[in-house]
N, C-alpha and C. Protein backbone atom coordinates (compact mmCIF):
# COMPACT_ATOMS: atom_id res chain seq x y z
N MET A 1 75.22 61.42 53.64
CA MET A 1 75.84 60.97 54.93
C MET A 1 77.17 61.72 55.25
N ARG A 2 78.04 61.47 54.25
CA ARG A 2 79.26 62.14 54.24
C ARG A 2 79.26 63.49 54.47
N ILE A 3 78.31 64.20 53.85
CA ILE A 3 78.22 65.59 53.75
C ILE A 3 77.82 65.99 55.36
N VAL A 4 76.87 65.35 55.94
CA VAL A 4 76.51 65.74 57.15
C VAL A 4 77.75 65.49 58.23
N PHE A 5 78.50 64.37 58.05
CA PHE A 5 79.63 64.10 58.88
C PHE A 5 80.69 65.17 58.68
N LEU A 6 80.96 65.52 57.42
CA LEU A 6 81.92 66.47 57.22
C LEU A 6 81.43 67.93 57.74
N PHE A 7 80.16 68.30 57.58
CA PHE A 7 79.56 69.49 58.16
C PHE A 7 79.77 69.47 59.70
N LEU A 8 79.45 68.37 60.30
CA LEU A 8 79.64 68.30 61.82
C LEU A 8 81.02 68.45 62.19
N ALA A 9 81.95 67.84 61.54
CA ALA A 9 83.34 67.84 61.78
C ALA A 9 83.90 69.30 61.62
N VAL A 10 83.50 70.02 60.71
CA VAL A 10 83.99 71.34 60.47
C VAL A 10 83.39 72.30 61.48
N LEU A 11 82.12 72.01 61.62
CA LEU A 11 81.40 72.78 62.77
C LEU A 11 81.94 72.51 64.11
N GLY A 12 82.36 71.41 64.39
CA GLY A 12 82.86 71.10 65.65
C GLY A 12 84.11 71.70 66.07
N CYS A 13 84.91 71.92 65.03
CA CYS A 13 86.26 72.49 65.37
C CYS A 13 86.23 73.80 65.91
N PRO A 14 85.46 74.76 65.16
CA PRO A 14 85.28 76.16 65.85
C PRO A 14 84.67 76.14 67.12
N MET A 15 83.74 75.24 67.43
CA MET A 15 83.05 75.33 68.60
C MET A 15 83.94 74.93 69.64
N LYS A 16 84.86 73.93 69.36
CA LYS A 16 85.90 73.66 70.46
C LYS A 16 86.77 74.71 70.81
N ALA A 17 87.26 75.45 69.77
CA ALA A 17 88.06 76.63 69.80
C ALA A 17 87.45 77.71 70.74
N MET A 18 86.17 77.89 70.41
CA MET A 18 85.37 78.87 71.22
C MET A 18 85.29 78.50 72.76
N VAL A 19 85.21 77.23 72.89
CA VAL A 19 85.12 76.78 74.25
C VAL A 19 86.45 76.80 74.90
N GLN A 20 87.49 76.50 74.15
CA GLN A 20 88.71 76.77 74.82
C GLN A 20 89.13 78.31 74.94
N THR A 21 88.74 79.04 74.15
CA THR A 21 88.90 80.57 74.30
C THR A 21 88.09 80.92 75.47
N SER A 22 86.93 80.60 75.54
CA SER A 22 86.04 80.97 76.65
C SER A 22 86.65 80.43 77.95
N THR A 23 86.93 79.26 77.92
CA THR A 23 87.55 78.79 79.25
C THR A 23 88.90 79.40 79.62
N ASN A 24 89.70 79.74 78.49
CA ASN A 24 90.92 80.43 78.94
C ASN A 24 90.53 81.88 79.40
N ALA A 25 89.60 82.44 78.89
CA ALA A 25 89.22 83.88 79.23
C ALA A 25 88.65 83.82 80.71
N LEU A 26 88.01 82.63 81.23
CA LEU A 26 87.44 82.56 82.43
C LEU A 26 88.59 82.34 83.41
N VAL A 27 89.63 81.58 83.06
CA VAL A 27 90.80 81.34 83.83
C VAL A 27 91.49 82.65 84.14
N THR A 28 91.75 83.40 83.05
CA THR A 28 92.28 84.67 83.16
C THR A 28 91.56 85.62 84.13
N THR A 29 90.21 85.68 83.88
CA THR A 29 89.25 86.52 84.71
C THR A 29 89.38 86.18 86.18
N SER A 30 89.34 84.83 86.39
CA SER A 30 89.29 84.43 87.79
C SER A 30 90.71 84.72 88.45
N ARG A 31 91.80 84.68 87.84
CA ARG A 31 93.13 85.04 88.33
C ARG A 31 93.02 86.48 88.68
N MET A 32 92.42 87.35 87.80
CA MET A 32 92.41 88.72 88.10
C MET A 32 91.45 89.06 89.14
N SER A 33 90.39 88.24 89.63
CA SER A 33 89.36 88.55 90.43
C SER A 33 89.81 88.10 91.92
N LEU A 34 90.89 88.63 92.35
CA LEU A 34 91.44 88.33 93.65
C LEU A 34 91.48 89.70 94.50
N TRP A 35 91.48 89.42 95.78
CA TRP A 35 91.98 90.46 96.67
C TRP A 35 93.10 89.94 97.59
N ASN A 36 94.19 90.49 97.60
CA ASN A 36 95.33 90.04 98.25
C ASN A 36 95.72 91.07 99.38
N CYS A 37 96.35 90.54 100.37
CA CYS A 37 96.88 91.34 101.62
C CYS A 37 98.29 90.85 101.86
N LYS A 38 99.26 91.72 101.61
CA LYS A 38 100.71 91.27 101.84
C LYS A 38 101.24 91.99 103.06
N PHE A 39 101.78 91.31 103.98
CA PHE A 39 102.39 91.91 105.30
C PHE A 39 103.83 92.06 105.07
N ALA A 40 104.56 93.00 105.87
CA ALA A 40 105.84 93.21 105.79
C ALA A 40 106.68 91.94 106.30
N ASP A 41 106.09 91.24 107.27
CA ASP A 41 106.74 90.07 107.91
C ASP A 41 106.57 88.88 107.03
N GLY A 42 106.03 88.91 105.99
CA GLY A 42 105.97 87.67 104.95
C GLY A 42 104.63 87.09 105.01
N ASN A 43 103.65 87.35 105.97
CA ASN A 43 102.37 86.89 105.94
C ASN A 43 101.63 87.29 104.67
N TYR A 44 100.62 86.53 104.27
CA TYR A 44 99.87 86.78 103.05
C TYR A 44 98.57 86.16 103.19
N TYR A 45 97.61 87.00 102.60
CA TYR A 45 96.16 86.59 102.49
C TYR A 45 95.65 86.76 101.15
N SER A 46 95.02 85.79 100.41
CA SER A 46 94.46 86.01 99.12
C SER A 46 93.11 85.44 99.14
N VAL A 47 92.09 86.01 98.56
CA VAL A 47 90.65 85.42 98.42
C VAL A 47 90.15 85.84 97.11
N SER A 48 89.36 84.95 96.56
CA SER A 48 88.69 85.26 95.40
C SER A 48 87.49 86.07 95.62
N LEU A 49 87.42 87.21 94.75
CA LEU A 49 86.24 88.11 95.06
C LEU A 49 84.83 87.41 94.98
N GLY A 50 84.74 86.44 94.06
CA GLY A 50 83.44 85.78 93.91
C GLY A 50 83.22 84.88 95.02
N ALA A 51 84.11 84.51 95.92
CA ALA A 51 83.89 83.70 97.14
C ALA A 51 83.50 84.53 98.28
N ILE A 52 83.58 85.86 98.33
CA ILE A 52 83.32 86.67 99.30
C ILE A 52 81.73 86.89 99.51
N ASP A 53 81.12 86.69 100.60
CA ASP A 53 79.76 86.79 100.98
C ASP A 53 79.53 88.19 101.63
N SER A 54 80.50 88.54 102.51
CA SER A 54 80.23 89.88 103.11
C SER A 54 81.47 90.35 103.61
N VAL A 55 81.63 91.64 103.77
CA VAL A 55 82.81 92.42 104.31
C VAL A 55 82.29 93.33 105.31
N SER A 56 82.85 93.33 106.54
CA SER A 56 82.33 94.24 107.56
C SER A 56 83.56 94.84 108.34
N GLN A 57 83.28 96.04 108.95
CA GLN A 57 84.15 96.57 109.96
C GLN A 57 83.26 96.98 111.17
N HIS A 58 83.70 96.66 112.25
CA HIS A 58 82.99 96.90 113.51
C HIS A 58 83.90 96.98 114.65
N GLU A 59 83.55 97.51 115.83
CA GLU A 59 84.43 97.55 116.92
C GLU A 59 83.46 97.08 118.11
N TYR A 60 84.33 96.65 119.25
CA TYR A 60 83.54 96.22 120.33
C TYR A 60 84.57 96.12 121.60
N LEU A 61 83.99 96.12 122.60
CA LEU A 61 84.91 96.03 123.98
C LEU A 61 84.99 94.37 124.23
N LEU A 62 86.30 93.94 124.33
CA LEU A 62 86.63 92.63 124.75
C LEU A 62 86.62 92.43 126.27
N ASP A 63 85.81 91.81 126.91
CA ASP A 63 85.88 91.54 128.41
C ASP A 63 85.82 92.79 129.02
N GLY A 64 85.48 94.06 128.52
CA GLY A 64 85.55 95.34 129.16
C GLY A 64 86.97 95.72 129.32
N ALA A 65 87.97 95.15 128.67
CA ALA A 65 89.39 95.60 128.96
C ALA A 65 90.03 96.02 127.73
N LEU A 66 89.62 95.68 126.54
CA LEU A 66 90.26 95.99 125.32
C LEU A 66 89.25 96.35 124.26
N ARG A 67 89.58 97.43 123.60
CA ARG A 67 88.62 97.83 122.34
C ARG A 67 89.22 97.08 121.18
N VAL A 68 88.52 96.30 120.56
CA VAL A 68 88.79 95.67 119.28
C VAL A 68 88.13 96.37 118.08
N VAL A 69 88.88 96.64 117.09
CA VAL A 69 88.41 97.15 115.81
C VAL A 69 88.72 96.16 114.68
N GLU A 70 87.73 95.61 114.23
CA GLU A 70 87.81 94.38 113.35
C GLU A 70 87.23 94.56 111.94
N VAL A 71 88.00 93.99 110.95
CA VAL A 71 87.47 93.87 109.74
C VAL A 71 87.40 92.32 109.39
N THR A 72 86.26 91.96 108.84
CA THR A 72 85.88 90.58 108.73
C THR A 72 85.68 90.23 107.36
N VAL A 73 86.12 89.25 106.76
CA VAL A 73 85.81 88.86 105.35
C VAL A 73 85.14 87.39 105.46
N ALA A 74 83.88 87.30 105.25
CA ALA A 74 83.16 86.10 105.29
C ALA A 74 83.17 85.48 103.84
N THR A 75 83.40 84.19 103.69
CA THR A 75 83.49 83.52 102.39
C THR A 75 82.49 82.39 102.36
N ARG A 76 82.21 81.99 101.14
CA ARG A 76 81.48 80.76 100.95
C ARG A 76 82.16 79.47 101.39
N GLY A 77 83.43 79.60 101.53
CA GLY A 77 84.32 78.40 101.88
C GLY A 77 84.17 78.06 103.33
N ALA A 78 85.09 77.33 103.77
CA ALA A 78 85.06 77.03 105.27
C ALA A 78 85.79 78.05 106.12
N THR A 79 86.48 78.99 105.60
CA THR A 79 87.33 79.94 106.41
C THR A 79 86.74 81.25 106.34
N GLN A 80 87.15 82.11 107.33
CA GLN A 80 86.89 83.51 107.42
C GLN A 80 88.05 84.20 107.98
N ALA A 81 88.24 85.31 107.31
CA ALA A 81 89.45 86.17 107.74
C ALA A 81 89.10 87.33 108.64
N ARG A 82 89.99 87.52 109.63
CA ARG A 82 89.76 88.67 110.61
C ARG A 82 91.09 89.57 110.68
N PHE A 83 90.88 90.78 110.37
CA PHE A 83 92.11 91.73 110.58
C PHE A 83 91.59 92.61 111.59
N TYR A 84 92.48 92.78 112.72
CA TYR A 84 91.99 93.55 113.79
C TYR A 84 93.14 94.37 114.60
N VAL A 85 92.72 95.42 115.32
CA VAL A 85 93.55 96.23 116.01
C VAL A 85 93.09 96.11 117.44
N LEU A 86 93.98 96.03 118.48
CA LEU A 86 93.60 96.18 119.92
C LEU A 86 94.14 97.42 120.31
N GLU A 87 93.12 98.06 121.04
CA GLU A 87 93.40 99.50 121.62
C GLU A 87 92.97 99.54 123.16
N LYS A 88 93.45 100.46 123.82
CA LYS A 88 93.03 100.93 125.10
C LYS A 88 91.61 101.46 125.01
N PRO A 89 90.67 101.18 125.71
CA PRO A 89 89.37 101.82 125.53
C PRO A 89 89.55 103.36 126.11
N SER A 90 88.74 104.17 125.53
CA SER A 90 88.78 105.57 125.92
C SER A 90 88.17 105.66 127.45
N VAL A 91 88.29 106.87 128.06
CA VAL A 91 87.71 106.87 129.49
C VAL A 91 86.31 106.60 129.44
N ASP A 92 85.45 107.00 128.38
CA ASP A 92 84.07 106.78 128.18
C ASP A 92 83.85 105.35 127.75
N THR A 93 83.54 104.39 128.51
CA THR A 93 83.41 103.00 128.01
C THR A 93 81.94 102.53 128.11
N GLY A 94 81.10 103.42 128.06
CA GLY A 94 79.68 103.14 128.03
C GLY A 94 79.05 102.52 129.35
N GLY A 95 79.51 103.04 130.59
CA GLY A 95 79.05 102.66 131.74
C GLY A 95 79.97 101.72 132.52
N LEU A 96 81.06 101.16 131.77
CA LEU A 96 81.91 100.38 132.44
C LEU A 96 82.99 101.30 133.16
N PRO A 97 83.71 100.78 134.25
CA PRO A 97 84.54 101.52 135.03
C PRO A 97 85.64 102.13 134.12
N GLY A 98 85.50 103.46 133.75
CA GLY A 98 86.40 103.96 132.61
C GLY A 98 87.77 104.33 132.95
N LYS A 99 87.88 105.23 133.98
CA LYS A 99 89.14 105.81 134.24
C LYS A 99 90.14 104.71 134.75
N SER A 100 89.74 103.89 135.64
CA SER A 100 90.73 102.84 136.10
C SER A 100 90.96 101.85 135.07
N LEU A 101 89.93 101.57 134.17
CA LEU A 101 90.07 100.58 133.10
C LEU A 101 91.13 101.19 132.19
N ALA A 102 91.06 102.41 131.87
CA ALA A 102 92.00 103.08 130.87
C ALA A 102 93.38 103.06 131.43
N ASP A 103 93.42 103.44 132.78
CA ASP A 103 94.82 103.53 133.41
C ASP A 103 95.48 102.23 133.36
N GLY A 104 94.72 101.08 133.68
CA GLY A 104 95.40 99.81 133.62
C GLY A 104 95.66 99.18 132.41
N MET A 105 95.17 99.62 131.29
CA MET A 105 95.18 99.10 129.88
C MET A 105 96.70 99.07 129.54
N GLY A 106 97.46 100.06 129.83
CA GLY A 106 98.81 100.20 129.42
C GLY A 106 99.74 99.00 129.93
N ARG A 107 99.46 98.63 131.22
CA ARG A 107 100.18 97.49 131.67
C ARG A 107 99.61 96.22 131.05
N VAL A 108 98.26 96.02 130.95
CA VAL A 108 97.77 94.72 130.27
C VAL A 108 98.30 94.61 128.92
N ALA A 109 98.29 95.71 128.04
CA ALA A 109 98.70 95.76 126.65
C ALA A 109 100.30 95.41 126.70
N GLU A 110 101.06 95.87 127.58
CA GLU A 110 102.36 95.52 127.64
C GLU A 110 102.62 94.07 127.96
N GLU A 111 101.79 93.70 128.82
CA GLU A 111 101.92 92.21 129.18
C GLU A 111 101.51 91.34 128.20
N ILE A 112 100.52 91.68 127.53
CA ILE A 112 99.99 90.75 126.26
C ILE A 112 101.11 90.64 125.22
N ALA A 113 101.55 91.88 124.85
CA ALA A 113 102.69 92.00 123.93
C ALA A 113 103.99 91.30 124.37
N SER A 114 104.32 91.36 125.58
CA SER A 114 105.45 90.61 126.06
C SER A 114 105.39 89.19 126.00
N ARG A 115 104.15 88.61 126.13
CA ARG A 115 103.97 87.14 125.96
C ARG A 115 103.75 86.76 124.50
N ALA A 116 103.51 87.59 123.61
CA ALA A 116 103.24 87.23 122.31
C ALA A 116 104.37 86.65 121.63
N PRO A 117 104.23 85.49 120.64
CA PRO A 117 105.29 84.94 120.12
C PRO A 117 105.89 85.77 119.06
N GLY A 118 107.27 85.41 118.71
CA GLY A 118 107.90 86.36 117.65
C GLY A 118 108.88 87.32 118.19
N ALA A 119 109.62 88.00 117.37
CA ALA A 119 110.64 88.99 117.84
C ALA A 119 110.02 90.06 118.56
N VAL A 120 110.69 90.77 119.27
CA VAL A 120 110.18 91.87 120.03
C VAL A 120 109.63 92.92 119.19
N LYS A 121 110.21 93.25 118.08
CA LYS A 121 109.75 94.25 117.21
C LYS A 121 108.55 94.01 116.54
N THR A 122 108.17 92.74 116.42
CA THR A 122 106.88 92.32 115.81
C THR A 122 105.92 91.93 116.88
N ALA A 123 106.29 91.87 118.13
CA ALA A 123 105.30 91.33 119.08
C ALA A 123 103.99 92.13 119.18
N THR A 124 103.92 93.33 118.86
CA THR A 124 102.65 94.01 118.94
C THR A 124 101.83 93.69 117.80
N ASN A 125 102.37 93.14 116.81
CA ASN A 125 101.41 92.60 115.65
C ASN A 125 101.07 91.22 115.76
N SER A 126 101.58 90.47 116.84
CA SER A 126 101.24 89.07 116.69
C SER A 126 99.90 88.81 117.28
N VAL A 127 99.21 87.77 116.64
CA VAL A 127 97.91 87.31 117.18
C VAL A 127 98.09 86.71 118.40
N VAL A 128 97.47 87.07 119.46
CA VAL A 128 97.49 86.29 120.81
C VAL A 128 96.36 85.57 121.06
N LYS A 129 96.48 84.35 121.54
CA LYS A 129 95.39 83.45 121.73
C LYS A 129 95.50 82.75 123.04
N LYS A 130 94.45 82.56 123.79
CA LYS A 130 94.52 81.71 124.95
C LYS A 130 93.65 80.51 124.69
N PHE A 131 94.38 79.31 124.64
CA PHE A 131 93.73 78.13 124.30
C PHE A 131 92.94 77.61 125.55
N PRO A 132 91.73 77.16 125.46
CA PRO A 132 90.85 76.89 124.17
C PRO A 132 89.90 78.11 123.89
N GLU A 133 89.87 79.09 124.86
CA GLU A 133 88.87 80.04 124.72
C GLU A 133 88.93 80.86 123.46
N THR A 134 90.06 81.24 122.95
CA THR A 134 90.18 81.91 121.82
C THR A 134 90.78 81.11 120.53
N SER A 135 90.73 79.85 120.59
CA SER A 135 91.05 79.05 119.47
C SER A 135 89.87 78.89 118.59
N HIS A 136 89.85 79.54 117.43
CA HIS A 136 88.67 79.66 116.46
C HIS A 136 89.16 78.87 115.34
N ALA A 137 88.43 77.67 115.18
CA ALA A 137 88.78 76.74 113.93
C ALA A 137 88.16 77.50 112.65
N LYS A 138 89.04 77.45 111.79
CA LYS A 138 88.78 77.94 110.32
C LYS A 138 88.62 79.45 110.34
N ILE A 139 89.15 80.09 111.21
CA ILE A 139 89.42 81.63 111.15
C ILE A 139 90.82 82.00 111.06
N ILE A 140 91.03 82.69 109.97
CA ILE A 140 92.38 83.30 109.83
C ILE A 140 92.53 84.59 110.44
N GLU A 141 93.49 84.92 111.21
CA GLU A 141 93.54 86.05 112.05
C GLU A 141 94.90 86.77 111.76
N TYR A 142 94.69 88.17 111.43
CA TYR A 142 95.99 89.05 111.30
C TYR A 142 95.73 90.25 112.33
N ARG A 143 96.73 90.57 113.02
CA ARG A 143 96.63 91.47 113.94
C ARG A 143 97.43 92.98 113.18
N ILE A 144 96.71 94.00 113.22
CA ILE A 144 97.13 95.23 112.43
C ILE A 144 97.60 96.14 113.74
N SER A 145 98.65 96.98 113.42
CA SER A 145 99.30 97.75 114.49
C SER A 145 98.60 99.17 114.78
N ASP A 146 97.71 99.61 113.88
CA ASP A 146 97.12 100.89 114.09
C ASP A 146 95.68 100.88 113.37
N ARG A 147 94.84 101.76 113.90
CA ARG A 147 93.43 101.91 113.31
C ARG A 147 93.48 102.45 111.99
N GLU A 148 94.47 103.37 111.67
CA GLU A 148 94.72 104.02 110.44
C GLU A 148 94.76 102.95 109.20
N THR A 149 95.75 102.15 109.52
CA THR A 149 96.06 101.05 108.53
C THR A 149 94.90 100.19 108.31
N LEU A 150 94.27 99.78 109.42
CA LEU A 150 93.01 98.89 109.32
C LEU A 150 92.05 99.57 108.52
N GLY A 151 91.83 100.86 108.75
CA GLY A 151 90.80 101.54 107.84
C GLY A 151 91.19 101.62 106.44
N LYS A 152 92.43 101.79 106.01
CA LYS A 152 92.88 101.88 104.78
C LYS A 152 92.67 100.45 104.02
N LEU A 153 92.97 99.36 104.88
CA LEU A 153 92.79 98.03 104.44
C LEU A 153 91.39 97.84 104.02
N PHE A 154 90.39 98.19 104.89
CA PHE A 154 89.02 98.00 104.75
C PHE A 154 88.51 98.70 103.48
N ASP A 155 89.01 99.97 103.40
CA ASP A 155 88.60 100.77 102.35
C ASP A 155 89.03 100.11 100.94
N HIS A 156 90.29 99.65 100.82
CA HIS A 156 90.82 99.02 99.67
C HIS A 156 90.03 97.70 99.33
N LEU A 157 89.74 96.93 100.42
CA LEU A 157 88.97 95.59 100.20
C LEU A 157 87.58 95.88 99.56
N LEU A 158 86.89 96.84 100.31
CA LEU A 158 85.57 97.16 99.93
C LEU A 158 85.58 97.74 98.38
N LYS A 159 86.44 98.56 98.25
CA LYS A 159 86.44 99.06 96.80
C LYS A 159 86.58 97.96 95.75
N ARG A 160 87.66 97.03 96.21
CA ARG A 160 87.87 95.97 95.16
C ARG A 160 86.73 95.07 94.97
N TRP A 161 86.13 94.69 96.10
CA TRP A 161 84.97 93.79 96.20
C TRP A 161 83.74 94.31 95.33
N GLN A 162 83.53 95.78 95.43
CA GLN A 162 82.56 96.31 94.81
C GLN A 162 82.80 96.73 93.34
N GLY A 163 84.16 96.28 92.90
CA GLY A 163 84.46 96.48 91.57
C GLY A 163 84.79 97.90 91.19
N ARG A 164 85.16 98.67 92.19
CA ARG A 164 85.55 100.13 92.13
C ARG A 164 86.98 100.25 91.95
N SER A 165 87.81 99.12 91.96
CA SER A 165 89.22 99.25 91.95
C SER A 165 90.00 98.12 91.24
N ALA A 166 90.84 98.39 90.47
CA ALA A 166 91.62 97.17 89.82
C ALA A 166 92.92 96.87 90.56
N ASP A 167 93.20 97.63 91.57
CA ASP A 167 94.43 97.21 92.34
C ASP A 167 94.11 96.10 93.21
N ASP A 168 94.63 94.93 93.05
CA ASP A 168 94.18 93.81 93.77
C ASP A 168 95.00 93.47 95.07
N THR A 169 96.09 94.22 95.31
CA THR A 169 96.87 94.01 96.53
C THR A 169 96.97 95.16 97.48
N PHE A 170 96.67 94.84 98.66
CA PHE A 170 96.99 96.04 99.73
C PHE A 170 98.16 95.57 100.56
N GLU A 171 99.04 96.37 100.85
CA GLU A 171 100.31 96.12 101.55
C GLU A 171 100.30 96.77 102.89
N VAL A 172 100.48 95.86 104.02
CA VAL A 172 100.61 96.31 105.26
C VAL A 172 101.98 96.46 105.56
N THR A 173 102.56 97.70 105.74
CA THR A 173 103.94 98.12 105.85
C THR A 173 104.43 98.00 107.32
N ASN A 174 103.54 98.07 108.24
CA ASN A 174 104.14 98.11 109.55
C ASN A 174 103.57 97.01 110.39
């Protein structure tokens, strides 16, 4: 009886150490399995790669007045992240009144930017919402200043999510 107890006690110690080692390894791994996006204005987004269900990039016309280029990160949790750029649509808007629409967009964009919260130098990167139409519960939104930066953000995120990059942080500098 004592031999069995002694055997189990000796056997139990290494098993506990292995579990602790395994648990510590999992903690270390999960900390390394993140994608982060750091903004020059201090905003920050971080998501566990294992929680991401899908990553997409798409564009659309919003009310026929603004072209939206958007990167969306859908997760298993309750929130979704959207990174987007607002642009004037080109003259060819797929059957919508193009020339007058494109001509008027400069004024619309300036008006939107002038009403956006924040300092004048960061107004063009502020998320603009009209309550309640654009109030999206559980959606985290970041406005990016240009399509090139948004494209780089998407490429970085996709490579990280697919395991093709060890660099876990993308920095938006403008």
